């Protein structure tokens, strides 16, 4: 009886499984997309900070060496 039920509905069963697979894949893609958006938003502020650091280091002439310039740009020596 179970074999007959499967044989009579195998295309329907396969179509249902395929549809479920597509739904779960879509949900997964949406979830990954949201995660990537959050990461890019976080990296944007870090990128702005790094750009300001680079500008400060390039303008700093009072100290020699990158580590001293970074120290100065981060408030050292005040």
Protein backbone atom coordinates (compact mmCIF):
# COMPACT_ATOMS: atom_id res chain seq x y z
CA UNK A 1 0.00 0.00 0.00
CA UNK A 2 2.80 2.45 0.88
CA UNK A 3 4.68 1.50 -2.28
CA UNK A 4 1.55 2.06 -4.33
CA UNK A 5 0.99 5.45 -2.69
CA UNK A 6 4.59 6.44 -3.47
CA UNK A 7 4.40 5.15 -7.04
CA UNK A 8 1.18 7.07 -7.70
CA UNK A 9 2.51 10.32 -6.23
CA UNK A 10 6.25 10.23 -6.88
CA UNK A 11 6.20 13.27 -9.16
CA UNK A 12 4.22 15.25 -6.63
CA UNK A 13 6.59 14.19 -3.86
CA UNK A 14 9.65 15.14 -5.92
CA UNK A 15 8.12 18.48 -6.87
CA UNK A 16 7.34 19.20 -3.22
CA UNK A 17 10.88 18.35 -2.14
CA UNK A 18 12.28 20.54 -4.91
CA UNK A 19 10.05 23.44 -3.86
CA UNK A 20 11.08 23.06 -0.22
CA UNK A 21 14.71 23.02 -1.28
CA UNK A 22 14.25 26.26 -3.22
CA UNK A 23 12.48 27.89 -0.27
CA UNK A 24 15.26 26.94 2.16
CA UNK A 25 17.91 28.08 -0.31
CA UNK A 26 16.16 31.44 -0.68
CA UNK A 27 15.98 31.86 3.09
CA UNK A 28 19.66 31.03 3.35
CA UNK A 29 20.59 33.56 0.66
CA UNK A 30 18.55 36.27 2.38
CA UNK A 31 20.25 35.49 5.69
CA UNK A 32 23.73 35.64 4.14
CA UNK A 33 22.83 38.89 2.39
CA UNK A 34 21.80 40.49 5.68
CA UNK A 35 25.02 39.32 7.33
CA UNK A 36 27.13 40.75 4.52
CA UNK A 37 25.27 44.07 4.78
CA UNK A 38 25.95 44.24 8.53
CA UNK A 39 29.62 43.45 8.01
CA UNK A 40 29.96 46.09 5.29
CA UNK A 41 28.32 48.68 7.55
CA UNK A 42 30.79 47.82 10.32
CA UNK A 43 33.73 47.99 7.92
CA UNK A 44 32.64 51.40 6.66
CA UNK A 45 33.40 53.05 10.00
CA UNK A 46 36.71 51.22 10.26
CA UNK A 47 37.56 52.36 6.74
CA UNK A 48 36.83 55.99 7.64
CA UNK A 49 39.00 55.71 10.76
CA UNK A 50 41.85 54.15 8.75
CA UNK A 51 41.66 56.94 6.15
CA UNK A 52 41.91 59.58 8.90
CA UNK A 53 44.86 57.72 10.43
CA UNK A 54 46.65 57.63 7.07
CA UNK A 55 46.07 61.33 6.50
CA UNK A 56 47.36 62.18 9.97
CA UNK A 57 50.44 59.99 9.54
CA UNK A 58 51.22 61.61 6.18
CA UNK A 59 50.87 65.13 7.68
CA UNK A 60 52.89 64.42 10.84
CA UNK A 61 56.41 65.74 10.50
CA UNK A 62 57.38 66.15 14.16
CA UNK A 63 58.26 62.46 14.56
CA UNK A 64 60.31 59.95 12.60
CA UNK A 65 59.07 56.40 12.00
CA UNK A 66 55.59 55.11 11.47
CA UNK A 67 55.09 53.87 15.04
CA UNK A 68 55.87 57.31 16.50
CA UNK A 69 53.55 58.98 14.01
CA UNK A 70 50.72 56.55 14.85
CA UNK A 71 51.34 57.21 18.54
CA UNK A 72 51.10 60.95 17.89
CA UNK A 73 47.91 60.62 15.78
CA UNK A 74 46.23 58.61 18.53
CA UNK A 75 46.74 61.34 21.12
CA UNK A 76 50.18 60.42 22.38
CA UNK A 77 52.49 63.13 23.60
CA UNK A 78 49.85 65.59 24.73
